Amino acid sequence: MMASSDKAPDVMPVGDGSVPPGKPMTVGDKVVDKSAGMLQTLKPIKQITQHVCTFSVYSHDMSRQIEAHHYITRLNQDFLQCAVYDSDDPSARLIGVEYIVSDRIFDTLPTDEQKLWHSHDHEVTSGLWVNPRVPEMLHRTELENIAHTYGKFWCTWQVDRGDRLPLGAPALMMSPQVVNMGVVQPELVLVRDNKYKIKTDELRKARADIPVSKPGNARASDFWMQNGKGYAIDIEPTEMKRLEGPKFP
């Protein structure tokens, strides 16, 4: 059994140490990519309308905290889907996916499903959730909406532990909080703030009047806060379900 959520890979792939391992792009590779980009519509990608920088913590080990860059597509007023990268650089690595739903949708989910989701109100009001290079006043309404949403984030590439490839099973991520293990390490925030020339403390003060969601009777998000337990995924062999095909004499 391999528990990749809490155990680093024993052996890294061979190569020159680059991340990910592989030979540099050739002129031919670039020509193919450029030509395809000119001929194909890439419609889903072009629906991405926002870049958000925030922080996430591993559900099974909250001492592991990462800066996460969400590239967001809005499918409707109640549902967003995000491609999550480790930076906003051209060479950024796609490390996971997050789905975001409004509290209206979240309240329709069964309790066991809600336990996999995290709230966003603290991320917003603490100033951790930012749209880099966008003036605060321009997305104030959006911040007020996000404060009433919930996310489910699966990390598929654990770059923070040095994985040079996306190895093993995905890890469930949680949102930073203001209590014990959920507090983001100040040095991580400082690095982010210096990069984008922002001050998280000032954002927190400016957002103090943003209303947050009141816990519903059935809401079980942020499960770790209530029970002190997270979720880790193990990989184990299992019997396959076989397709019954036509029988011939």
C-alpha atoms as a PDB file:
ATOM      1  CA  MET A   1       0.000   0.000   0.000  1.00  0.00           C
ATOM      2  CA  MET A   2       1.267   3.497  -0.824  1.00  0.00           C
ATOM      3  CA  ALA A   3      -0.034   6.399   1.241  1.00  0.00           C
ATOM      4  CA  SER A   4       1.168   9.263  -0.909  1.00  0.00           C
ATOM      5  CA  SER A   5      -0.765  11.849   1.066  1.00  0.00           C
ATOM      6  CA  ASP A   6       1.638  11.604   3.986  1.00  0.00           C
ATOM      7  CA  LYS A   7       4.682   9.771   2.642  1.00  0.00           C
ATOM      8  CA  ALA A   8       7.187  11.277   0.243  1.00  0.00           C
ATOM      9  CA  PRO A   9       8.153   9.122  -2.754  1.00  0.00           C
ATOM     10  CA  ASP A  10      11.070   6.789  -2.053  1.00  0.00           C
ATOM     11  CA  VAL A  11      12.805   7.375  -5.373  1.00  0.00           C
ATOM     12  CA  MET A  12      12.670  10.391  -7.624  1.00  0.00           C
ATOM     13  CA  PRO A  13      12.779   9.943 -11.425  1.00  0.00           C
ATOM     14  CA  VAL A  14      16.179   9.987 -13.062  1.00  0.00           C
ATOM     15  CA  GLY A  15      17.319  13.056 -14.968  1.00  0.00           C
ATOM     16  CA  ASP A  16      19.363  16.193 -14.664  1.00  0.00           C
ATOM     17  CA  GLY A  17      17.485  17.513 -11.660  1.00  0.00           C
ATOM     18  CA  SER A  18      15.185  19.809 -13.638  1.00  0.00           C
ATOM     19  CA  VAL A  19      11.533  20.094 -12.619  1.00  0.00           C
ATOM     20  CA  PRO A  20       9.829  18.418 -14.272  1.00  0.00           C
ATOM     21  CA  PRO A  21      12.542  16.166 -15.734  1.00  0.00           C
ATOM     22  CA  GLY A  22      12.782  16.313 -19.508  1.00  0.00           C
ATOM     23  CA  LYS A  23      14.671  17.670 -22.486  1.00  0.00           C
ATOM     24  CA  PRO A  24      14.347  21.374 -23.397  1.00  0.00           C
ATOM     25  CA  MET A  25      11.816  22.439 -25.996  1.00  0.00           C
ATOM     26  CA  THR A  26      13.050  22.356 -29.578  1.00  0.00           C
ATOM     27  CA  VAL A  27      12.206  24.843 -32.320  1.00  0.00           C
ATOM     28  CA  GLY A  28       9.999  22.158 -33.822  1.00  0.00           C
ATOM     29  CA  ASP A  29       8.081  21.754 -30.570  1.00  0.00           C
ATOM     30  CA  LYS A  30       7.477  25.500 -30.412  1.00  0.00           C
ATOM     31  CA  VAL A  31       6.306  25.633 -34.028  1.00  0.00           C
ATOM     32  CA  VAL A  32       3.807  22.824 -33.401  1.00  0.00           C
ATOM     33  CA  ASP A  33       2.438  24.520 -30.295  1.00  0.00           C
ATOM     34  CA  LYS A  34       2.224  27.919 -31.980  1.00  0.00           C
ATOM     35  CA  SER A  35       0.454  26.498 -35.022  1.00  0.00           C
ATOM     36  CA  ALA A  36      -2.041  24.566 -32.918  1.00  0.00           C
ATOM     37  CA  GLY A  37      -2.753  27.664 -30.854  1.00  0.00           C
ATOM     38  CA  MET A  38      -3.557  29.618 -33.997  1.00  0.00           C
ATOM     39  CA  LEU A  39      -5.838  26.935 -35.453  1.00  0.00           C
ATOM     40  CA  GLN A  40      -7.676  25.702 -32.359  1.00  0.00           C
ATOM     41  CA  THR A  41     -10.216  27.622 -30.309  1.00  0.00           C
ATOM     42  CA  LEU A  42      -9.093  26.574 -26.803  1.00  0.00           C
ATOM     43  CA  LYS A  43     -12.537  27.692 -25.648  1.00  0.00           C
ATOM     44  CA  PRO A  44     -12.433  26.316 -22.072  1.00  0.00           C
ATOM     45  CA  ILE A  45      -9.096  28.011 -21.356  1.00  0.00           C
ATOM     46  CA  LYS A  46     -10.301  31.334 -22.705  1.00  0.00           C
ATOM     47  CA  GLN A  47     -13.153  31.324 -20.189  1.00  0.00           C
ATOM     48  CA  ILE A  48     -10.665  31.894 -17.364  1.00  0.00           C
ATOM     49  CA  THR A  49     -11.339  35.423 -16.133  1.00  0.00           C
ATOM     50  CA  GLN A  50      -9.588  35.787 -12.774  1.00  0.00           C
ATOM     51  CA  HIS A  51      -6.258  35.124 -11.131  1.00  0.00           C
ATOM     52  CA  VAL A  52      -6.409  34.754  -7.340  1.00  0.00           C
ATOM     53  CA  CYS A  53      -3.425  34.231  -5.058  1.00  0.00           C
ATOM     54  CA  THR A  54      -4.100  32.691  -1.659  1.00  0.00           C
ATOM     55  CA  PHE A  55      -2.753  29.968   0.631  1.00  0.00           C
ATOM     56  CA  SER A  56      -3.745  26.363   1.311  1.00  0.00           C
ATOM     57  CA  VAL A  57      -2.853  23.773   3.928  1.00  0.00           C
ATOM     58  CA  TYR A  58      -2.781  19.997   3.667  1.00  0.00           C
ATOM     59  CA  SER A  59      -5.734  18.333   5.388  1.00  0.00           C
ATOM     60  CA  HIS A  60      -3.571  15.565   6.845  1.00  0.00           C
ATOM     61  CA  ASP A  61      -0.582  17.766   7.804  1.00  0.00           C
ATOM     62  CA  MET A  62      -1.272  21.424   8.482  1.00  0.00           C
ATOM     63  CA  SER A  63       2.381  22.202   9.029  1.00  0.00           C
ATOM     64  CA  ARG A  64       2.608  22.008   5.237  1.00  0.00           C
ATOM     65  CA  GLN A  65       1.316  25.252   3.751  1.00  0.00           C
ATOM     66  CA  ILE A  66       1.571  26.461   0.164  1.00  0.00           C
ATOM     67  CA  GLU A  67       0.960  29.573  -1.898  1.00  0.00           C
ATOM     68  CA  ALA A  68      -1.695  28.704  -4.468  1.00  0.00           C
ATOM     69  CA  HIS A  69      -2.578  30.537  -7.666  1.00  0.00           C
ATOM     70  CA  HIS A  70      -6.139  29.970  -8.829  1.00  0.00           C
ATOM     71  CA  TYR A  71      -7.147  30.655 -12.423  1.00  0.00           C
ATOM     72  CA  ILE A  72     -10.913  30.858 -12.241  1.00  0.00           C
ATOM     73  CA  THR A  73     -13.707  30.126 -14.688  1.00  0.00           C
ATOM     74  CA  ARG A  74     -17.221  31.122 -13.678  1.00  0.00           C
ATOM     75  CA  LEU A  75     -19.829  28.648 -14.978  1.00  0.00           C
ATOM     76  CA  ASN A  76     -22.703  30.463 -13.248  1.00  0.00           C
ATOM     77  CA  GLN A  77     -23.384  32.568 -10.149  1.00  0.00           C
ATOM     78  CA  ASP A  78     -23.125  29.546  -7.858  1.00  0.00           C
ATOM     79  CA  PHE A  79     -20.262  27.521  -9.341  1.00  0.00           C
ATOM     80  CA  LEU A  80     -16.629  28.322 -10.148  1.00  0.00           C
ATOM     81  CA  GLN A  81     -13.883  25.976 -11.279  1.00  0.00           C
ATOM     82  CA  CYS A  82     -10.187  26.697 -10.818  1.00  0.00           C
ATOM     83  CA  ALA A  83      -6.964  25.429 -12.321  1.00  0.00           C
ATOM     84  CA  VAL A  84      -4.448  25.791  -9.477  1.00  0.00           C
ATOM     85  CA  TYR A  85      -0.764  26.522 -10.114  1.00  0.00           C
ATOM     86  CA  ASP A  86       2.235  26.946  -7.818  1.00  0.00           C
ATOM     87  CA  SER A  87       3.000  30.430  -9.185  1.00  0.00           C
ATOM     88  CA  ASP A  88       1.990  32.875 -11.906  1.00  0.00           C
ATOM     89  CA  ASP A  89       5.238  32.435 -13.840  1.00  0.00           C
ATOM     90  CA  PRO A  90       5.203  31.173 -17.460  1.00  0.00           C
ATOM     91  CA  SER A  91       6.764  27.912 -16.226  1.00  0.00           C
ATOM     92  CA  ALA A  92       4.231  27.482 -13.394  1.00  0.00           C
ATOM     93  CA  ARG A  93       3.261  23.918 -12.558  1.00  0.00           C
ATOM     94  CA  LEU A  94      -0.383  22.820 -12.540  1.00  0.00           C
ATOM     95  CA  ILE A  95      -0.717  21.382  -9.027  1.00  0.00           C
ATOM     96  CA  GLY A  96      -4.427  20.747  -8.696  1.00  0.00           C
ATOM     97  CA  VAL A  97      -8.008  21.765  -9.171  1.00  0.00           C
ATOM     98  CA  GLU A  98     -10.501  23.490  -6.902  1.00  0.00           C
ATOM     99  CA  TYR A  99     -14.276  23.655  -7.241  1.00  0.00           C
ATOM    100  CA  ILE A 100     -16.119  26.499  -5.543  1.00  0.00           C
ATOM    101  CA  VAL A 101     -19.843  26.594  -4.761  1.00  0.00           C
ATOM    102  CA  SER A 102     -22.106  29.146  -3.130  1.00  0.00           C
ATOM    103  CA  ASP A 103     -23.604  28.520   0.295  1.00  0.00           C
ATOM    104  CA  ARG A 104     -26.908  27.909  -1.496  1.00  0.00           C
ATOM    105  CA  ILE A 105     -25.427  24.910  -3.304  1.00  0.00           C
ATOM    106  CA  PHE A 106     -23.341  23.789  -0.349  1.00  0.00           C
ATOM    107  CA  ASP A 107     -26.392  23.479   1.891  1.00  0.00           C
ATOM    108  CA  THR A 108     -27.843  20.889  -0.497  1.00  0.00           C
ATOM    109  CA  LEU A 109     -24.847  18.544  -0.096  1.00  0.00           C
ATOM    110  CA  PRO A 110     -24.961  15.567   2.290  1.00  0.00           C
ATOM    111  CA  THR A 111     -22.955  15.870   5.499  1.00  0.00           C
ATOM    112  CA  ASP A 112     -20.267  13.365   4.472  1.00  0.00           C
ATOM    113  CA  GLU A 113     -19.641  15.363   1.300  1.00  0.00           C
ATOM    114  CA  GLN A 114     -19.528  18.683   3.159  1.00  0.00           C
ATOM    115  CA  LYS A 115     -16.652  17.367   5.284  1.00  0.00           C
ATOM    116  CA  LEU A 116     -14.401  17.480   2.201  1.00  0.00           C
ATOM    117  CA  TRP A 117     -15.011  21.201   1.655  1.00  0.00           C
ATOM    118  CA  HIS A 118     -13.637  24.322   3.322  1.00  0.00           C
ATOM    119  CA  SER A 119     -15.082  27.777   3.921  1.00  0.00           C
ATOM    120  CA  HIS A 120     -13.620  30.920   2.345  1.00  0.00           C
ATOM    121  CA  ASP A 121     -14.812  33.652   4.706  1.00  0.00           C
ATOM    122  CA  HIS A 122     -11.583  33.834   6.711  1.00  0.00           C
ATOM    123  CA  GLU A 123      -9.421  33.812   3.569  1.00  0.00           C
ATOM    124  CA  VAL A 124     -11.311  36.865   2.370  1.00  0.00           C
ATOM    125  CA  THR A 125     -11.629  38.879   5.581  1.00  0.00           C
ATOM    126  CA  SER A 126      -8.023  38.180   6.641  1.00  0.00           C
ATOM    127  CA  GLY A 127      -6.656  39.570   3.363  1.00  0.00           C
ATOM    128  CA  LEU A 128      -5.136  36.253   2.306  1.00  0.00           C
ATOM    129  CA  TRP A 129      -7.375  36.001  -0.798  1.00  0.00           C
ATOM    130  CA  VAL A 130      -6.165  38.601  -3.308  1.00  0.00           C
ATOM    131  CA  ASN A 131      -6.515  39.357  -7.005  1.00  0.00           C
ATOM    132  CA  PRO A 132      -2.961  40.462  -7.828  1.00  0.00           C
ATOM    133  CA  ARG A 133      -2.628  43.850  -9.507  1.00  0.00           C
ATOM    134  CA  VAL A 134      -6.388  44.511  -9.401  1.00  0.00           C
ATOM    135  CA  PRO A 135      -7.433  47.525  -7.282  1.00  0.00           C
ATOM    136  CA  GLU A 136      -9.345  46.450  -4.191  1.00  0.00           C
ATOM    137  CA  MET A 137     -12.343  48.638  -4.980  1.00  0.00           C
ATOM    138  CA  LEU A 138     -12.882  46.968  -8.354  1.00  0.00           C
ATOM    139  CA  HIS A 139     -13.537  43.532  -6.921  1.00  0.00           C
ATOM    140  CA  ARG A 140     -15.126  44.402  -3.598  1.00  0.00           C
ATOM    141  CA  THR A 141     -18.473  42.892  -4.666  1.00  0.00           C
ATOM    142  CA  GLU A 142     -16.723  39.718  -5.743  1.00  0.00           C
ATOM    143  CA  LEU A 143     -14.971  39.455  -2.379  1.00  0.00           C
ATOM    144  CA  GLU A 144     -18.310  39.752  -0.608  1.00  0.00           C
ATOM    145  CA  ASN A 145     -19.631  36.891  -2.750  1.00  0.00           C
ATOM    146  CA  ILE A 146     -16.555  34.683  -2.241  1.00  0.00           C
ATOM    147  CA  ALA A 147     -16.895  35.089   1.535  1.00  0.00           C
ATOM    148  CA  HIS A 148     -20.108  33.059   1.214  1.00  0.00           C
ATOM    149  CA  THR A 149     -18.617  30.185  -0.778  1.00  0.00           C
ATOM    150  CA  TYR A 150     -17.020  26.797  -0.097  1.00  0.00           C
ATOM    151  CA  GLY A 151     -14.218  25.024  -1.943  1.00  0.00           C
ATOM    152  CA  LYS A 152     -12.984  21.503  -2.549  1.00  0.00           C
ATOM    153  CA  PHE A 153      -9.314  21.521  -3.563  1.00  0.00           C
ATOM    154  CA  TRP A 154      -7.423  18.392  -4.630  1.00  0.00           C
ATOM    155  CA  CYS A 155      -3.662  18.833  -4.894  1.00  0.00           C
ATOM    156  CA  THR A 156      -2.234  16.471  -7.518  1.00  0.00           C
ATOM    157  CA  TRP A 157       1.408  17.589  -7.441  1.00  0.00           C
ATOM    158  CA  GLN A 158       3.060  18.042  -4.052  1.00  0.00           C
ATOM    159  CA  VAL A 159       5.819  20.384  -5.143  1.00  0.00           C
ATOM    160  CA  ASP A 160       6.417  21.614  -1.591  1.00  0.00           C
ATOM    161  CA  ARG A 161       7.990  18.293  -0.589  1.00  0.00           C
ATOM    162  CA  GLY A 162      10.224  18.292  -3.659  1.00  0.00           C
ATOM    163  CA  ASP A 163       8.245  16.061  -6.022  1.00  0.00           C
ATOM    164  CA  ARG A 164       9.638  16.587  -9.524  1.00  0.00           C
ATOM    165  CA  LEU A 165       6.595  14.901 -11.061  1.00  0.00           C
ATOM    166  CA  PRO A 166       2.969  14.580  -9.916  1.00  0.00           C
ATOM    167  CA  LEU A 167       3.393  11.335  -7.965  1.00  0.00           C
ATOM    168  CA  GLY A 168       0.980   9.150  -6.045  1.00  0.00           C
ATOM    169  CA  ALA A 169      -2.549   9.983  -4.980  1.00  0.00           C
ATOM    170  CA  PRO A 170      -3.992  13.489  -4.697  1.00  0.00           C
ATOM    171  CA  ALA A 171      -4.127  15.255  -1.336  1.00  0.00           C
ATOM    172  CA  LEU A 172      -7.140  17.101   0.018  1.00  0.00           C
ATOM    173  CA  MET A 173      -6.407  20.725   0.903  1.00  0.00           C
ATOM    174  CA  MET A 174      -8.019  22.989   3.470  1.00  0.00           C
ATOM    175  CA  SER A 175      -8.399  26.740   3.892  1.00  0.00           C
ATOM    176  CA  PRO A 176      -6.311  28.763   6.374  1.00  0.00           C
ATOM    177  CA  GLN A 177      -8.148  29.740   9.559  1.00  0.00           C
ATOM    178  CA  VAL A 178      -7.506  31.941  12.549  1.00  0.00           C
ATOM    179  CA  VAL A 179      -7.226  29.028  15.019  1.00  0.00           C
ATOM    180  CA  ASN A 180      -4.238  26.880  16.091  1.00  0.00           C
ATOM    181  CA  MET A 181      -2.884  24.846  13.170  1.00  0.00           C
ATOM    182  CA  GLY A 182      -4.760  26.825  10.500  1.00  0.00           C
ATOM    183  CA  VAL A 183      -2.767  30.062  10.813  1.00  0.00           C
ATOM    184  CA  VAL A 184      -0.579  30.739   7.768  1.00  0.00           C
ATOM    185  CA  GLN A 185       3.132  31.119   8.444  1.00  0.00           C
ATOM    186  CA  PRO A 186       3.962  34.859   8.422  1.00  0.00           C
ATOM    187  CA  GLU A 187       7.036  34.388   6.227  1.00  0.00           C
ATOM    188  CA  LEU A 188       4.887  32.921   3.430  1.00  0.00           C
ATOM    189  CA  VAL A 189       2.580  35.917   3.517  1.00  0.00           C
ATOM    190  CA  LEU A 190       5.528  38.327   3.552  1.00  0.00           C
ATOM    191  CA  VAL A 191       7.029  36.767   0.411  1.00  0.00           C
ATOM    192  CA  ARG A 192       3.675  37.069  -1.377  1.00  0.00           C
ATOM    193  CA  ASP A 193       3.142  40.651  -0.209  1.00  0.00           C
ATOM    194  CA  ASN A 194       6.583  41.762  -1.323  1.00  0.00           C
ATOM    195  CA  LYS A 195       6.096  40.229  -4.745  1.00  0.00           C
ATOM    196  CA  TYR A 196       2.802  42.009  -5.425  1.00  0.00           C
ATOM    197  CA  LYS A 197       3.540  45.137  -3.369  1.00  0.00           C
ATOM    198  CA  ILE A 198       0.538  44.694  -1.089  1.00  0.00           C
ATOM    199  CA  LYS A 199       0.016  44.698   2.675  1.00  0.00           C
ATOM    200  CA  THR A 200      -2.165  41.896   3.966  1.00  0.00           C
ATOM    201  CA  ASP A 201      -2.666  43.653   7.303  1.00  0.00           C
ATOM    202  CA  GLU A 202      -4.135  46.688   5.556  1.00  0.00           C
ATOM    203  CA  LEU A 203      -6.389  44.503   3.429  1.00  0.00           C
ATOM    204  CA  ARG A 204      -7.655  42.809   6.581  1.00  0.00           C
ATOM    205  CA  LYS A 205      -8.593  46.139   8.106  1.00  0.00           C
ATOM    206  CA  ALA A 206     -10.305  47.303   4.908  1.00  0.00           C
ATOM    207  CA  ARG A 207     -12.359  44.100   4.752  1.00  0.00           C
ATOM    208  CA  ALA A 208     -13.424  44.029   8.394  1.00  0.00           C
ATOM    209  CA  ASP A 209     -16.995  44.966   7.479  1.00  0.00           C
ATOM    210  CA  ILE A 210     -17.488  42.192   4.903  1.00  0.00           C
ATOM    211  CA  PRO A 211     -20.339  39.983   6.174  1.00  0.00           C
ATOM    212  CA  VAL A 212     -19.489  36.294   6.503  1.00  0.00           C
ATOM    213  CA  SER A 213     -21.604  33.176   6.303  1.00  0.00           C
ATOM    214  CA  LYS A 214     -23.422  32.130   9.417  1.00  0.00           C
ATOM    215  CA  PRO A 215     -22.976  28.392  10.017  1.00  0.00           C
ATOM    216  CA  GLY A 216     -25.988  26.449   8.836  1.00  0.00           C
ATOM    217  CA  ASN A 217     -27.489  23.717  10.989  1.00  0.00           C
ATOM    218  CA  ALA A 218     -26.192  20.972   8.720  1.00  0.00           C
ATOM    219  CA  ARG A 219     -22.862  22.497   7.601  1.00  0.00           C
ATOM    220  CA  ALA A 220     -19.880  20.251   8.219  1.00  0.00           C
ATOM    221  CA  SER A 221     -17.180  22.166   6.318  1.00  0.00           C
ATOM    222  CA  ASP A 222     -13.766  22.716   7.918  1.00  0.00           C
ATOM    223  CA  PHE A 223     -14.148  19.262   9.458  1.00  0.00           C
ATOM    224  CA  TRP A 224     -10.697  19.408  11.061  1.00  0.00           C
ATOM    225  CA  MET A 225     -11.678  22.427  13.161  1.00  0.00           C
ATOM    226  CA  GLN A 226     -14.556  20.532  14.702  1.00  0.00           C
ATOM    227  CA  ASN A 227     -12.878  17.153  15.132  1.00  0.00           C
ATOM    228  CA  GLY A 228      -9.117  17.638  14.993  1.00  0.00           C
ATOM    229  CA  LYS A 229      -8.881  15.109  12.164  1.00  0.00           C
ATOM    230  CA  GLY A 230      -8.023  15.514   8.501  1.00  0.00           C
ATOM    231  CA  TYR A 231      -8.252  13.267   5.477  1.00  0.00           C
ATOM    232  CA  ALA A 232      -5.473  11.348   3.731  1.00  0.00           C
ATOM    233  CA  ILE A 233      -5.812   9.195   0.623  1.00  0.00           C
ATOM    234  CA  ASP A 234      -4.242   5.771   0.328  1.00  0.00           C
ATOM    235  CA  ILE A 235      -3.786   3.704  -2.825  1.00  0.00           C
ATOM    236  CA  GLU A 236      -4.497   0.010  -2.608  1.00  0.00           C
ATOM    237  CA  PRO A 237      -5.239  -2.740  -5.148  1.00  0.00           C
ATOM    238  CA  THR A 238      -8.846  -3.727  -5.643  1.00  0.00           C
ATOM    239  CA  GLU A 239     -10.814  -6.152  -7.747  1.00  0.00           C
ATOM    240  CA  MET A 240     -11.852  -4.695 -11.081  1.00  0.00           C
ATOM    241  CA  LYS A 241     -15.466  -4.597 -12.137  1.00  0.00           C
ATOM    242  CA  ARG A 242     -15.555  -6.517 -15.374  1.00  0.00           C
ATOM    243  CA  LEU A 243     -17.687  -5.632 -18.360  1.00  0.00           C
ATOM    244  CA  GLU A 244     -19.986  -8.458 -19.329  1.00  0.00           C
ATOM    245  CA  GLY A 245     -19.557  -8.821 -23.059  1.00  0.00           C
ATOM    246  CA  PRO A 246     -21.591 -10.853 -25.543  1.00  0.00           C
ATOM    247  CA  LYS A 247     -21.257 -14.600 -25.156  1.00  0.00           C
ATOM    248  CA  PHE A 248     -20.530 -16.706 -28.197  1.00  0.00           C
ATOM    249  CA  PRO A 249     -21.035 -20.434 -28.591  1.00  0.00           C
END
